[in-house]
Every structure is written in structure tokens, then in C-alpha cells.
Amino acid sequence: MPKRLLGTGIKAVAPELIQDPLTRKHVTDFMAGYKAWKNDNVDQLTLLGLTLADTADAILTKVGDPTNAKAVREFLETTPIASVQTIRWTKDRHVGMTSDDVAILEYKQGRWVKADPLK
């Protein structure tokens, strides 16, 4: 293992970086449930899977006809989705997150945290 292991990841990997208390609770509750179920820590891929599940849930519960592709697209392009971080699409941008949603992380004591400054 190198002296320091740095990486770029979504802030939800280190929930203490999430400003919104409801979003932070959503992430920490999911992490606790996952740990109890799998006896393993959540990774970034698992959290991104949660964004897909949260998006599907929003579509299924808030779009009158979720089989109508045009209605789903309009919903997604105009409605922020609450997830591990707020997902936002626009007519011109279908990425969902921005650079504000990522952080430079450091692996310490078995988990990812905000990276200490480089010296």
C-alpha cells in the first residue's frame, strides 16, 4: 500500500462532505443497511447504483405514465432527483452531476475521507 492513497470520487463516499442533512441521512442510512446486509462497506459503484434506484423511484412515483418516454424525459430534464447527491439533467446536459459533486478523497483507516492537503 502506498504511503497515501488518493482518489477522485463522489462526495457521498465520504458522507461528512455532504452539506444537506437529509441527503447525508439518506446516504448514511443506506450505508448502514448495506453493511448489515452484506457485511461490507459501500463503494462508489454501489452509491451510483443507488442514484439509479432513486431515479427509477422518482419516475415511477411522480410521472403519470412512466411508459411515456417523452413524459419521462421532460420530468428528468425539469425535476431535480433527491439521491446520494441531487441529480439534475437539462435539455442540453444529461450527466446529472457536476464538478461540485466530487471531491479529492484519501483512503484512511479502511474508509474514504476528504483528502488532507498535499505537502
PDB file of N, CA and C in Angstrom:
ATOM      1  N   MET A   1       0.850  -1.177   0.000  1.00  0.00           N
ATOM      2  CA  MET A   1       0.000   0.000   0.000  1.00  0.00           C
ATOM      3  C   MET A   1       0.896   1.242   0.000  1.00  0.00           C
ATOM      4  N   PRO A   2       0.583   2.212  -0.843  1.00  0.00           N
ATOM      5  CA  PRO A   2       1.394   3.436  -0.838  1.00  0.00           C
ATOM      6  C   PRO A   2       1.202   4.222   0.459  1.00  0.00           C
ATOM      7  N   LYS A   3       2.116   5.138   0.700  1.00  0.00           N
ATOM      8  CA  LYS A   3       2.049   5.959   1.905  1.00  0.00           C
ATOM      9  C   LYS A   3       0.708   6.696   1.993  1.00  0.00           C
ATOM     10  N   ARG A   4       0.245   7.217   0.859  1.00  0.00           N
ATOM     11  CA  ARG A   4      -1.070   7.862   0.769  1.00  0.00           C
ATOM     12  C   ARG A   4      -1.774   7.351  -0.472  1.00  0.00           C
ATOM     13  N   LEU A   5      -3.046   7.035  -0.339  1.00  0.00           N
ATOM     14  CA  LEU A   5      -3.847   6.604  -1.478  1.00  0.00           C
ATOM     15  C   LEU A   5      -4.923   7.658  -1.698  1.00  0.00           C
ATOM     16  N   LEU A   6      -4.810   8.383  -2.807  1.00  0.00           N
ATOM     17  CA  LEU A   6      -5.740   9.451  -3.140  1.00  0.00           C
ATOM     18  C   LEU A   6      -6.610   9.024  -4.310  1.00  0.00           C
ATOM     19  N   GLY A   7      -7.795   9.584  -4.371  1.00  0.00           N
ATOM     20  CA  GLY A   7      -8.683   9.303  -5.488  1.00  0.00           C
ATOM     21  C   GLY A   7      -9.715  10.407  -5.633  1.00  0.00           C
ATOM     22  N   THR A   8     -10.355  10.413  -6.771  1.00  0.00           N
ATOM     23  CA  THR A   8     -11.462  11.332  -7.019  1.00  0.00           C
ATOM     24  C   THR A   8     -12.745  10.529  -6.939  1.00  0.00           C
ATOM     25  N   GLY A   9     -13.730  11.045  -6.252  1.00  0.00           N
ATOM     26  CA  GLY A   9     -14.983  10.312  -6.141  1.00  0.00           C
ATOM     27  C   GLY A   9     -16.131  11.232  -5.791  1.00  0.00           C
ATOM     28  N   ILE A  10     -17.342  10.692  -5.882  1.00  0.00           N
ATOM     29  CA  ILE A  10     -18.494  11.494  -5.482  1.00  0.00           C
ATOM     30  C   ILE A  10     -18.424  11.727  -3.970  1.00  0.00           C
ATOM     31  N   LYS A  11     -18.881  12.883  -3.550  1.00  0.00           N
ATOM     32  CA  LYS A  11     -18.798  13.252  -2.137  1.00  0.00           C
ATOM     33  C   LYS A  11     -19.515  12.263  -1.230  1.00  0.00           C
ATOM     34  N   ALA A  12     -20.520  11.601  -1.742  1.00  0.00           N
ATOM     35  CA  ALA A  12     -21.298  10.668  -0.914  1.00  0.00           C
ATOM     36  C   ALA A  12     -20.449   9.519  -0.377  1.00  0.00           C
ATOM     37  N   VAL A  13     -19.313   9.249  -0.996  1.00  0.00           N
ATOM     38  CA  VAL A  13     -18.421   8.198  -0.495  1.00  0.00           C
ATOM     39  C   VAL A  13     -17.946   8.565   0.916  1.00  0.00           C
ATOM     40  N   ALA A  14     -17.824   9.849   1.175  1.00  0.00           N
ATOM     41  CA  ALA A  14     -17.458  10.367   2.498  1.00  0.00           C
ATOM     42  C   ALA A  14     -18.604  11.272   2.959  1.00  0.00           C
ATOM     43  N   PRO A  15     -19.657  10.704   3.564  1.00  0.00           N
ATOM     44  CA  PRO A  15     -20.884  11.457   3.852  1.00  0.00           C
ATOM     45  C   PRO A  15     -20.686  12.750   4.636  1.00  0.00           C
ATOM     46  N   GLU A  16     -19.608  12.853   5.384  1.00  0.00           N
ATOM     47  CA  GLU A  16     -19.371  14.082   6.134  1.00  0.00           C
ATOM     48  C   GLU A  16     -19.171  15.279   5.202  1.00  0.00           C
ATOM     49  N   LEU A  17     -18.909  15.021   3.920  1.00  0.00           N
ATOM     50  CA  LEU A  17     -18.752  16.105   2.947  1.00  0.00           C
ATOM     51  C   LEU A  17     -20.093  16.624   2.414  1.00  0.00           C
ATOM     52  N   ILE A  18     -21.164  15.923   2.689  1.00  0.00           N
ATOM     53  CA  ILE A  18     -22.485  16.319   2.195  1.00  0.00           C
ATOM     54  C   ILE A  18     -23.068  17.380   3.127  1.00  0.00           C
ATOM     55  N   GLN A  19     -23.419  18.521   2.569  1.00  0.00           N
ATOM     56  CA  GLN A  19     -23.924  19.642   3.353  1.00  0.00           C
ATOM     57  C   GLN A  19     -25.376  19.441   3.807  1.00  0.00           C
ATOM     58  N   ASP A  20     -26.224  18.940   2.923  1.00  0.00           N
ATOM     59  CA  ASP A  20     -27.651  18.812   3.222  1.00  0.00           C
ATOM     60  C   ASP A  20     -27.886  17.661   4.203  1.00  0.00           C
ATOM     61  N   PRO A  21     -28.497  17.942   5.373  1.00  0.00           N
ATOM     62  CA  PRO A  21     -28.684  16.888   6.382  1.00  0.00           C
ATOM     63  C   PRO A  21     -29.571  15.731   5.910  1.00  0.00           C
ATOM     64  N   LEU A  22     -30.604  16.008   5.115  1.00  0.00           N
ATOM     65  CA  LEU A  22     -31.476  14.922   4.638  1.00  0.00           C
ATOM     66  C   LEU A  22     -30.733  14.014   3.664  1.00  0.00           C
ATOM     67  N   THR A  23     -29.944  14.609   2.801  1.00  0.00           N
ATOM     68  CA  THR A  23     -29.152  13.807   1.856  1.00  0.00           C
ATOM     69  C   THR A  23     -28.117  12.983   2.616  1.00  0.00           C
ATOM     70  N   ARG A  24     -27.442  13.614   3.574  1.00  0.00           N
ATOM     71  CA  ARG A  24     -26.444  12.889   4.373  1.00  0.00           C
ATOM     72  C   ARG A  24     -27.091  11.711   5.096  1.00  0.00           C
ATOM     73  N   LYS A  25     -28.299  11.921   5.657  1.00  0.00           N
ATOM     74  CA  LYS A  25     -29.010  10.841   6.348  1.00  0.00           C
ATOM     75  C   LYS A  25     -29.373   9.723   5.370  1.00  0.00           C
ATOM     76  N   HIS A  26     -29.821  10.071   4.178  1.00  0.00           N
ATOM     77  CA  HIS A  26     -30.154   9.072   3.155  1.00  0.00           C
ATOM     78  C   HIS A  26     -28.930   8.189   2.877  1.00  0.00           C
ATOM     79  N   VAL A  27     -27.779   8.830   2.726  1.00  0.00           N
ATOM     80  CA  VAL A  27     -26.546   8.093   2.439  1.00  0.00           C
ATOM     81  C   VAL A  27     -26.124   7.243   3.628  1.00  0.00           C
ATOM     82  N   THR A  28     -26.099   7.820   4.821  1.00  0.00           N
ATOM     83  CA  THR A  28     -25.624   7.058   5.984  1.00  0.00           C
ATOM     84  C   THR A  28     -26.576   5.910   6.323  1.00  0.00           C
ATOM     85  N   ASP A  29     -27.881   6.125   6.153  1.00  0.00           N
ATOM     86  CA  ASP A  29     -28.840   5.034   6.383  1.00  0.00           C
ATOM     87  C   ASP A  29     -28.616   3.905   5.374  1.00  0.00           C
ATOM     88  N   PHE A  30     -28.400   4.277   4.109  1.00  0.00           N
ATOM     89  CA  PHE A  30     -28.133   3.266   3.088  1.00  0.00           C
ATOM     90  C   PHE A  30     -26.846   2.504   3.416  1.00  0.00           C
ATOM     91  N   MET A  31     -25.804   3.233   3.803  1.00  0.00           N
ATOM     92  CA  MET A  31     -24.526   2.596   4.134  1.00  0.00           C
ATOM     93  C   MET A  31     -24.688   1.613   5.294  1.00  0.00           C
ATOM     94  N   ALA A  32     -25.441   2.009   6.306  1.00  0.00           N
ATOM     95  CA  ALA A  32     -25.651   1.133   7.471  1.00  0.00           C
ATOM     96  C   ALA A  32     -26.439  -0.112   7.066  1.00  0.00           C
ATOM     97  N   GLY A  33     -27.476   0.063   6.264  1.00  0.00           N
ATOM     98  CA  GLY A  33     -28.271  -1.075   5.806  1.00  0.00           C
ATOM     99  C   GLY A  33     -27.459  -2.022   4.937  1.00  0.00           C
ATOM    100  N   TYR A  34     -26.643  -1.458   4.070  1.00  0.00           N
ATOM    101  CA  TYR A  34     -25.796  -2.272   3.200  1.00  0.00           C
ATOM    102  C   TYR A  34     -24.782  -3.062   4.032  1.00  0.00           C
ATOM    103  N   LYS A  35     -24.184  -2.395   5.019  1.00  0.00           N
ATOM    104  CA  LYS A  35     -23.196  -3.055   5.891  1.00  0.00           C
ATOM    105  C   LYS A  35     -23.850  -4.217   6.644  1.00  0.00           C
ATOM    106  N   ALA A  36     -25.069  -3.997   7.143  1.00  0.00           N
ATOM    107  CA  ALA A  36     -25.775  -5.055   7.862  1.00  0.00           C
ATOM    108  C   ALA A  36     -26.124  -6.214   6.933  1.00  0.00           C
ATOM    109  N   TRP A  37     -26.473  -5.923   5.704  1.00  0.00           N
ATOM    110  CA  TRP A  37     -26.877  -6.943   4.737  1.00  0.00           C
ATOM    111  C   TRP A  37     -25.689  -7.706   4.168  1.00  0.00           C
ATOM    112  N   LYS A  38     -24.657  -6.998   3.743  1.00  0.00           N
ATOM    113  CA  LYS A  38     -23.530  -7.620   3.046  1.00  0.00           C
ATOM    114  C   LYS A  38     -22.289  -7.818   3.916  1.00  0.00           C
ATOM    115  N   ASN A  39     -22.297  -7.230   5.115  1.00  0.00           N
ATOM    116  CA  ASN A  39     -21.123  -7.254   5.977  1.00  0.00           C
ATOM    117  C   ASN A  39     -19.900  -6.705   5.237  1.00  0.00           C
ATOM    118  N   ASP A  40     -20.125  -5.633   4.483  1.00  0.00           N
ATOM    119  CA  ASP A  40     -19.077  -4.993   3.702  1.00  0.00           C
ATOM    120  C   ASP A  40     -19.415  -3.515   3.579  1.00  0.00           C
ATOM    121  N   ASN A  41     -18.401  -2.703   3.305  1.00  0.00           N
ATOM    122  CA  ASN A  41     -18.627  -1.280   3.134  1.00  0.00           C
ATOM    123  C   ASN A  41     -19.152  -0.976   1.737  1.00  0.00           C
ATOM    124  N   VAL A  42     -19.918   0.083   1.646  1.00  0.00           N
ATOM    125  CA  VAL A  42     -20.404   0.583   0.367  1.00  0.00           C
ATOM    126  C   VAL A  42     -19.225   1.168  -0.402  1.00  0.00           C
ATOM    127  N   ASP A  43     -19.231   0.958  -1.710  1.00  0.00           N
ATOM    128  CA  ASP A  43     -18.225   1.604  -2.552  1.00  0.00           C
ATOM    129  C   ASP A  43     -18.926   2.594  -3.477  1.00  0.00           C
ATOM    130  N   GLN A  44     -18.145   3.303  -4.259  1.00  0.00           N
ATOM    131  CA  GLN A  44     -18.702   4.325  -5.137  1.00  0.00           C
ATOM    132  C   GLN A  44     -19.678   3.728  -6.155  1.00  0.00           C
ATOM    133  N   LEU A  45     -19.374   2.570  -6.677  1.00  0.00           N
ATOM    134  CA  LEU A  45     -20.254   1.934  -7.652  1.00  0.00           C
ATOM    135  C   LEU A  45     -21.619   1.625  -7.038  1.00  0.00           C
ATOM    136  N   THR A  46     -21.631   1.160  -5.798  1.00  0.00           N
ATOM    137  CA  THR A  46     -22.889   0.872  -5.103  1.00  0.00           C
ATOM    138  C   THR A  46     -23.696   2.152  -4.911  1.00  0.00           C
ATOM    139  N   LEU A  47     -23.022   3.244  -4.552  1.00  0.00           N
ATOM    140  CA  LEU A  47     -23.722   4.514  -4.390  1.00  0.00           C
ATOM    141  C   LEU A  47     -24.287   5.014  -5.715  1.00  0.00           C
ATOM    142  N   LEU A  48     -23.550   4.819  -6.791  1.00  0.00           N
ATOM    143  CA  LEU A  48     -24.073   5.217  -8.097  1.00  0.00           C
ATOM    144  C   LEU A  48     -25.265   4.347  -8.479  1.00  0.00           C
ATOM    145  N   GLY A  49     -25.261   3.085  -8.059  1.00  0.00           N
ATOM    146  CA  GLY A  49     -26.433   2.230  -8.258  1.00  0.00           C
ATOM    147  C   GLY A  49     -27.634   2.769  -7.502  1.00  0.00           C
ATOM    148  N   LEU A  50     -27.398   3.318  -6.317  1.00  0.00           N
ATOM    149  CA  LEU A  50     -28.483   3.920  -5.549  1.00  0.00           C
ATOM    150  C   LEU A  50     -29.052   5.122  -6.288  1.00  0.00           C
ATOM    151  N   THR A  51     -28.212   5.883  -6.992  1.00  0.00           N
ATOM    152  CA  THR A  51     -28.747   7.006  -7.767  1.00  0.00           C
ATOM    153  C   THR A  51     -29.700   6.503  -8.849  1.00  0.00           C
ATOM    154  N   LEU A  52     -29.381   5.367  -9.435  1.00  0.00           N
ATOM    155  CA  LEU A  52     -30.282   4.782 -10.445  1.00  0.00           C
ATOM    156  C   LEU A  52     -31.597   4.339  -9.811  1.00  0.00           C
ATOM    157  N   ALA A  53     -31.517   3.722  -8.645  1.00  0.00           N
ATOM    158  CA  ALA A  53     -32.733   3.279  -7.955  1.00  0.00           C
ATOM    159  C   ALA A  53     -33.584   4.477  -7.531  1.00  0.00           C
ATOM    160  N   ASP A  54     -32.949   5.525  -7.037  1.00  0.00           N
ATOM    161  CA  ASP A  54     -33.689   6.723  -6.632  1.00  0.00           C
ATOM    162  C   ASP A  54     -34.334   7.400  -7.844  1.00  0.00           C
ATOM    163  N   THR A  55     -33.635   7.395  -8.971  1.00  0.00           N
ATOM    164  CA  THR A  55     -34.180   7.978 -10.195  1.00  0.00           C
ATOM    165  C   THR A  55     -35.381   7.168 -10.678  1.00  0.00           C
ATOM    166  N   ALA A  56     -35.242   5.850 -10.685  1.00  0.00           N
ATOM    167  CA  ALA A  56     -36.362   4.989 -11.092  1.00  0.00           C
ATOM    168  C   ALA A  56     -37.552   5.193 -10.170  1.00  0.00           C
ATOM    169  N   ASP A  57     -37.309   5.284  -8.872  1.00  0.00           N
ATOM    170  CA  ASP A  57     -38.389   5.508  -7.912  1.00  0.00           C
ATOM    171  C   ASP A  57     -39.101   6.831  -8.190  1.00  0.00           C
ATOM    172  N   ALA A  58     -38.328   7.882  -8.461  1.00  0.00           N
ATOM    173  CA  ALA A  58     -38.935   9.180  -8.758  1.00  0.00           C
ATOM    174  C   ALA A  58     -39.795   9.112 -10.012  1.00  0.00           C
ATOM    175  N   ILE A  59     -39.307   8.439 -11.031  1.00  0.00           N
ATOM    176  CA  ILE A  59     -40.079   8.300 -12.270  1.00  0.00           C
ATOM    177  C   ILE A  59     -41.367   7.527 -12.014  1.00  0.00           C
ATOM    178  N   LEU A  60     -41.246   6.403 -11.325  1.00  0.00           N
ATOM    179  CA  LEU A  60     -42.408   5.549 -11.097  1.00  0.00           C
ATOM    180  C   LEU A  60     -43.460   6.193 -10.196  1.00  0.00           C
ATOM    181  N   THR A  61     -43.037   7.058  -9.293  1.00  0.00           N
ATOM    182  CA  THR A  61     -43.991   7.659  -8.359  1.00  0.00           C
ATOM    183  C   THR A  61     -44.466   9.051  -8.769  1.00  0.00           C
ATOM    184  N   LYS A  62     -43.733   9.705  -9.682  1.00  0.00           N
ATOM    185  CA  LYS A  62     -44.087  11.094  -9.991  1.00  0.00           C
ATOM    186  C   LYS A  62     -44.465  11.357 -11.445  1.00  0.00           C
ATOM    187  N   VAL A  63     -44.223  10.405 -12.323  1.00  0.00           N
ATOM    188  CA  VAL A  63     -44.622  10.584 -13.720  1.00  0.00           C
ATOM    189  C   VAL A  63     -45.929   9.823 -13.919  1.00  0.00           C
ATOM    190  N   GLY A  64     -46.940  10.548 -14.413  1.00  0.00           N
ATOM    191  CA  GLY A  64     -48.261   9.939 -14.571  1.00  0.00           C
ATOM    192  C   GLY A  64     -48.235   8.633 -15.345  1.00  0.00           C
ATOM    193  N   ASP A  65     -47.502   8.606 -16.452  1.00  0.00           N
ATOM    194  CA  ASP A  65     -47.382   7.396 -17.272  1.00  0.00           C
ATOM    195  C   ASP A  65     -45.899   7.113 -17.496  1.00  0.00           C
ATOM    196  N   PRO A  66     -45.281   6.326 -16.628  1.00  0.00           N
ATOM    197  CA  PRO A  66     -43.846   6.070 -16.763  1.00  0.00           C
ATOM    198  C   PRO A  66     -43.454   5.296 -18.020  1.00  0.00           C
ATOM    199  N   THR A  67     -44.447   4.831 -18.796  1.00  0.00           N
ATOM    200  CA  THR A  67     -44.121   4.179 -20.076  1.00  0.00           C
ATOM    201  C   THR A  67     -44.047   5.197 -21.208  1.00  0.00           C
ATOM    202  N   ASN A  68     -44.387   6.440 -20.929  1.00  0.00           N
ATOM    203  CA  ASN A  68     -44.349   7.508 -21.921  1.00  0.00           C
ATOM    204  C   ASN A  68     -42.954   8.144 -21.895  1.00  0.00           C
ATOM    205  N   ALA A  69     -42.130   7.789 -22.863  1.00  0.00           N
ATOM    206  CA  ALA A  69     -40.737   8.247 -22.891  1.00  0.00           C
ATOM    207  C   ALA A  69     -40.636   9.771 -22.910  1.00  0.00           C
ATOM    208  N   LYS A  70     -41.511  10.425 -23.639  1.00  0.00           N
ATOM    209  CA  LYS A  70     -41.470  11.890 -23.715  1.00  0.00           C
ATOM    210  C   LYS A  70     -41.758  12.504 -22.341  1.00  0.00           C
ATOM    211  N   ALA A  71     -42.742  11.960 -21.630  1.00  0.00           N
ATOM    212  CA  ALA A  71     -43.076  12.465 -20.292  1.00  0.00           C
ATOM    213  C   ALA A  71     -41.931  12.217 -19.310  1.00  0.00           C
ATOM    214  N   VAL A  72     -41.301  11.064 -19.412  1.00  0.00           N
ATOM    215  CA  VAL A  72     -40.174  10.747 -18.527  1.00  0.00           C
ATOM    216  C   VAL A  72     -39.013  11.697 -18.814  1.00  0.00           C
ATOM    217  N   ARG A  73     -38.714  11.896 -20.087  1.00  0.00           N
ATOM    218  CA  ARG A  73     -37.615  12.805 -20.448  1.00  0.00           C
ATOM    219  C   ARG A  73     -37.895  14.219 -19.940  1.00  0.00           C
ATOM    220  N   GLU A  74     -39.114  14.704 -20.144  1.00  0.00           N
ATOM    221  CA  GLU A  74     -39.473  16.048 -19.668  1.00  0.00           C
ATOM    222  C   GLU A  74     -39.332  16.134 -18.149  1.00  0.00           C
ATOM    223  N   PHE A  75     -39.787  15.113 -17.443  1.00  0.00           N
ATOM    224  CA  PHE A  75     -39.661  15.071 -15.985  1.00  0.00           C
ATOM    225  C   PHE A  75     -38.190  15.141 -15.579  1.00  0.00           C
ATOM    226  N   LEU A  76     -37.374  14.304 -16.185  1.00  0.00           N
ATOM    227  CA  LEU A  76     -35.954  14.259 -15.814  1.00  0.00           C
ATOM    228  C   LEU A  76     -35.227  15.565 -16.132  1.00  0.00           C
ATOM    229  N   GLU A  77     -35.625  16.224 -17.214  1.00  0.00           N
ATOM    230  CA  GLU A  77     -34.944  17.455 -17.614  1.00  0.00           C
ATOM    231  C   GLU A  77     -35.425  18.680 -16.845  1.00  0.00           C
ATOM    232  N   THR A  78     -36.462  18.526 -16.023  1.00  0.00           N
ATOM    233  CA  THR A  78     -37.003  19.675 -15.289  1.00  0.00           C
ATOM    234  C   THR A  78     -37.098  19.465 -13.778  1.00  0.00           C
ATOM    235  N   THR A  79     -36.818  18.267 -13.312  1.00  0.00           N
ATOM    236  CA  THR A  79     -37.024  17.961 -11.898  1.00  0.00           C
ATOM    237  C   THR A  79     -35.747  17.425 -11.258  1.00  0.00           C
ATOM    238  N   PRO A  80     -35.204  18.101 -10.244  1.00  0.00           N
ATOM    239  CA  PRO A  80     -34.060  17.541  -9.522  1.00  0.00           C
ATOM    240  C   PRO A  80     -34.473  16.252  -8.808  1.00  0.00           C
ATOM    241  N   ILE A  81     -33.599  15.259  -8.824  1.00  0.00           N
ATOM    242  CA  ILE A  81     -33.855  13.970  -8.179  1.00  0.00           C
ATOM    243  C   ILE A  81     -33.035  13.908  -6.890  1.00  0.00           C
ATOM    244  N   ALA A  82     -33.718  13.706  -5.775  1.00  0.00           N
ATOM    245  CA  ALA A  82     -33.026  13.555  -4.492  1.00  0.00           C
ATOM    246  C   ALA A  82     -32.415  12.164  -4.441  1.00  0.00           C
ATOM    247  N   SER A  83     -31.119  12.113  -4.208  1.00  0.00           N
ATOM    248  CA  SER A  83     -30.415  10.832  -4.122  1.00  0.00           C
ATOM    249  C   SER A  83     -29.217  11.021  -3.204  1.00  0.00           C
ATOM    250  N   VAL A  84     -28.134  10.326  -3.477  1.00  0.00           N
ATOM    251  CA  VAL A  84     -26.922  10.473  -2.673  1.00  0.00           C
ATOM    252  C   VAL A  84     -26.335  11.865  -2.858  1.00  0.00           C
ATOM    253  N   GLN A  85     -26.692  12.489  -3.948  1.00  0.00           N
ATOM    254  CA  GLN A  85     -26.462  13.883  -4.272  1.00  0.00           C
ATOM    255  C   GLN A  85     -27.583  14.249  -5.229  1.00  0.00           C
ATOM    256  N   THR A  86     -27.936  15.488  -5.300  1.00  0.00           N
ATOM    257  CA  THR A  86     -29.047  15.865  -6.171  1.00  0.00           C
ATOM    258  C   THR A  86     -28.644  15.659  -7.623  1.00  0.00           C
ATOM    259  N   ILE A  87     -29.486  14.922  -8.342  1.00  0.00           N
ATOM    260  CA  ILE A  87     -29.252  14.639  -9.752  1.00  0.00           C
ATOM    261  C   ILE A  87     -30.047  15.667 -10.557  1.00  0.00           C
ATOM    262  N   ARG A  88     -29.356  16.351 -11.474  1.00  0.00           N
ATOM    263  CA  ARG A  88     -30.011  17.369 -12.301  1.00  0.00           C
ATOM    264  C   ARG A  88     -29.647  17.146 -13.754  1.00  0.00           C
ATOM    265  N   TRP A  89     -30.678  16.975 -14.576  1.00  0.00           N
ATOM    266  CA  TRP A  89     -30.481  16.926 -16.020  1.00  0.00           C
ATOM    267  C   TRP A  89     -31.101  18.176 -16.612  1.00  0.00           C
ATOM    268  N   THR A  90     -30.641  18.563 -17.775  1.00  0.00           N
ATOM    269  CA  THR A  90     -31.262  19.649 -18.529  1.00  0.00           C
ATOM    270  C   THR A  90     -31.446  19.150 -19.958  1.00  0.00           C
ATOM    271  N   LYS A  91     -32.086  19.979 -20.786  1.00  0.00           N
ATOM    272  CA  LYS A  91     -32.280  19.594 -22.183  1.00  0.00           C
ATOM    273  C   LYS A  91     -30.944  19.400 -22.890  1.00  0.00           C
ATOM    274  N   ASP A  92     -29.907  20.106 -22.432  1.00  0.00           N
ATOM    275  CA  ASP A  92     -28.596  20.050 -23.088  1.00  0.00           C
ATOM    276  C   ASP A  92     -27.570  19.200 -22.355  1.00  0.00           C
ATOM    277  N   ARG A  93     -27.882  18.784 -21.140  1.00  0.00           N
ATOM    278  CA  ARG A  93     -26.878  18.089 -20.325  1.00  0.00           C
ATOM    279  C   ARG A  93     -27.518  16.922 -19.597  1.00  0.00           C
ATOM    280  N   HIS A  94     -27.073  15.716 -19.924  1.00  0.00           N
ATOM    281  CA  HIS A  94     -27.637  14.514 -19.321  1.00  0.00           C
ATOM    282  C   HIS A  94     -26.623  13.778 -18.443  1.00  0.00           C
ATOM    283  N   VAL A  95     -25.706  14.503 -17.847  1.00  0.00           N
ATOM    284  CA  VAL A  95     -24.732  13.893 -16.952  1.00  0.00           C
ATOM    285  C   VAL A  95     -25.332  13.707 -15.560  1.00  0.00           C
ATOM    286  N   GLY A  96     -26.033  14.680 -15.046  1.00  0.00           N
ATOM    287  CA  GLY A  96     -26.709  14.546 -13.760  1.00  0.00           C
ATOM    288  C   GLY A  96     -25.970  15.142 -12.590  1.00  0.00           C
ATOM    289  N   MET A  97     -24.650  15.109 -12.621  1.00  0.00           N
ATOM    290  CA  MET A  97     -23.843  15.707 -11.556  1.00  0.00           C
ATOM    291  C   MET A  97     -22.848  16.664 -12.184  1.00  0.00           C
ATOM    292  N   THR A  98     -22.253  17.498 -11.334  1.00  0.00           N
ATOM    293  CA  THR A  98     -21.244  18.446 -11.804  1.00  0.00           C
ATOM    294  C   THR A  98     -19.973  18.273 -10.974  1.00  0.00           C
ATOM    295  N   SER A  99     -18.997  19.094 -11.271  1.00  0.00           N
ATOM    296  CA  SER A  99     -17.743  19.029 -10.512  1.00  0.00           C
ATOM    297  C   SER A  99     -17.966  19.370  -9.035  1.00  0.00           C
ATOM    298  N   ASP A 100     -19.046  20.059  -8.709  1.00  0.00           N
ATOM    299  CA  ASP A 100     -19.362  20.357  -7.306  1.00  0.00           C
ATOM    300  C   ASP A 100     -19.720  19.098  -6.523  1.00  0.00           C
ATOM    301  N   ASP A 101     -20.027  18.014  -7.215  1.00  0.00           N
ATOM    302  CA  ASP A 101     -20.455  16.774  -6.571  1.00  0.00           C
ATOM    303  C   ASP A 101     -19.305  15.803  -6.314  1.00  0.00           C
ATOM    304  N   VAL A 102     -18.096  16.179  -6.688  1.00  0.00           N
ATOM    305  CA  VAL A 102     -16.952  15.291  -6.490  1.00  0.00           C
ATOM    306  C   VAL A 102     -15.947  15.931  -5.543  1.00  0.00           C
ATOM    307  N   ALA A 103     -15.068  15.106  -5.019  1.00  0.00           N
ATOM    308  CA  ALA A 103     -14.038  15.572  -4.093  1.00  0.00           C
ATOM    309  C   ALA A 103     -12.779  14.742  -4.288  1.00  0.00           C
ATOM    310  N   ILE A 104     -11.677  15.289  -3.848  1.00  0.00           N
ATOM    311  CA  ILE A 104     -10.434  14.524  -3.780  1.00  0.00           C
ATOM    312  C   ILE A 104     -10.458  13.815  -2.430  1.00  0.00           C
ATOM    313  N   LEU A 105     -10.376  12.496  -2.483  1.00  0.00           N
ATOM    314  CA  LEU A 105     -10.515  11.662  -1.294  1.00  0.00           C
ATOM    315  C   LEU A 105      -9.207  10.965  -0.969  1.00  0.00           C
ATOM    316  N   GLU A 106      -9.105  10.540   0.278  1.00  0.00           N
ATOM    317  CA  GLU A 106      -7.930   9.800   0.735  1.00  0.00           C
ATOM    318  C   GLU A 106      -8.417   8.584   1.522  1.00  0.00           C
ATOM    319  N   TYR A 107      -7.805   7.451   1.269  1.00  0.00           N
ATOM    320  CA  TYR A 107      -8.181   6.219   1.965  1.00  0.00           C
ATOM    321  C   TYR A 107      -7.415   6.156   3.280  1.00  0.00           C
ATOM    322  N   LYS A 108      -8.178   6.205   4.393  1.00  0.00           N
ATOM    323  CA  LYS A 108      -7.573   6.180   5.727  1.00  0.00           C
ATOM    324  C   LYS A 108      -8.379   5.262   6.624  1.00  0.00           C
ATOM    325  N   GLN A 109      -7.698   4.412   7.347  1.00  0.00           N
ATOM    326  CA  GLN A 109      -8.324   3.537   8.347  1.00  0.00           C
ATOM    327  C   GLN A 109      -9.552   2.816   7.788  1.00  0.00           C
ATOM    328  N   GLY A 110      -9.411   2.294   6.575  1.00  0.00           N
ATOM    329  CA  GLY A 110     -10.448   1.461   5.996  1.00  0.00           C
ATOM    330  C   GLY A 110     -11.617   2.186   5.347  1.00  0.00           C
ATOM    331  N   ARG A 111     -11.500   3.504   5.162  1.00  0.00           N
ATOM    332  CA  ARG A 111     -12.587   4.231   4.505  1.00  0.00           C
ATOM    333  C   ARG A 111     -12.053   5.465   3.792  1.00  0.00           C
ATOM    334  N   TRP A 112     -12.871   5.987   2.878  1.00  0.00           N
ATOM    335  CA  TRP A 112     -12.522   7.196   2.147  1.00  0.00           C
ATOM    336  C   TRP A 112     -12.987   8.421   2.921  1.00  0.00           C
ATOM    337  N   VAL A 113     -12.108   9.415   3.035  1.00  0.00           N
ATOM    338  CA  VAL A 113     -12.408  10.678   3.704  1.00  0.00           C
ATOM    339  C   VAL A 113     -11.873  11.803   2.823  1.00  0.00           C
ATOM    340  N   LYS A 114     -12.220  13.032   3.157  1.00  0.00           N
ATOM    341  CA  LYS A 114     -11.667  14.177   2.420  1.00  0.00           C
ATOM    342  C   LYS A 114     -10.144  14.142   2.561  1.00  0.00           C
ATOM    343  N   ALA A 115      -9.467  14.312   1.449  1.00  0.00           N
ATOM    344  CA  ALA A 115      -8.000  14.229   1.457  1.00  0.00           C
ATOM    345  C   ALA A 115      -7.393  15.419   2.204  1.00  0.00           C
ATOM    346  N   ASP A 116      -6.370  15.117   2.978  1.00  0.00           N
ATOM    347  CA  ASP A 116      -5.578  16.173   3.594  1.00  0.00           C
ATOM    348  C   ASP A 116      -4.801  16.894   2.494  1.00  0.00           C
ATOM    349  N   PRO A 117      -4.435  18.158   2.732  1.00  0.00           N
ATOM    350  CA  PRO A 117      -3.660  18.881   1.719  1.00  0.00           C
ATOM    351  C   PRO A 117      -2.344  18.167   1.421  1.00  0.00           C
ATOM    352  N   LEU A 118      -1.900  18.299   0.190  1.00  0.00           N
ATOM    353  CA  LEU A 118      -0.593  17.738  -0.186  1.00  0.00           C
ATOM    354  C   LEU A 118       0.487  18.645   0.367  1.00  0.00           C
ATOM    355  N   LYS A 119       1.575  18.029   0.804  1.00  0.00           N
ATOM    356  CA  LYS A 119       2.674  18.809   1.382  1.00  0.00           C
ATOM    357  C   LYS A 119       3.862  18.788   0.471  1.00  0.00           C
TER     358      LYS A 119
END
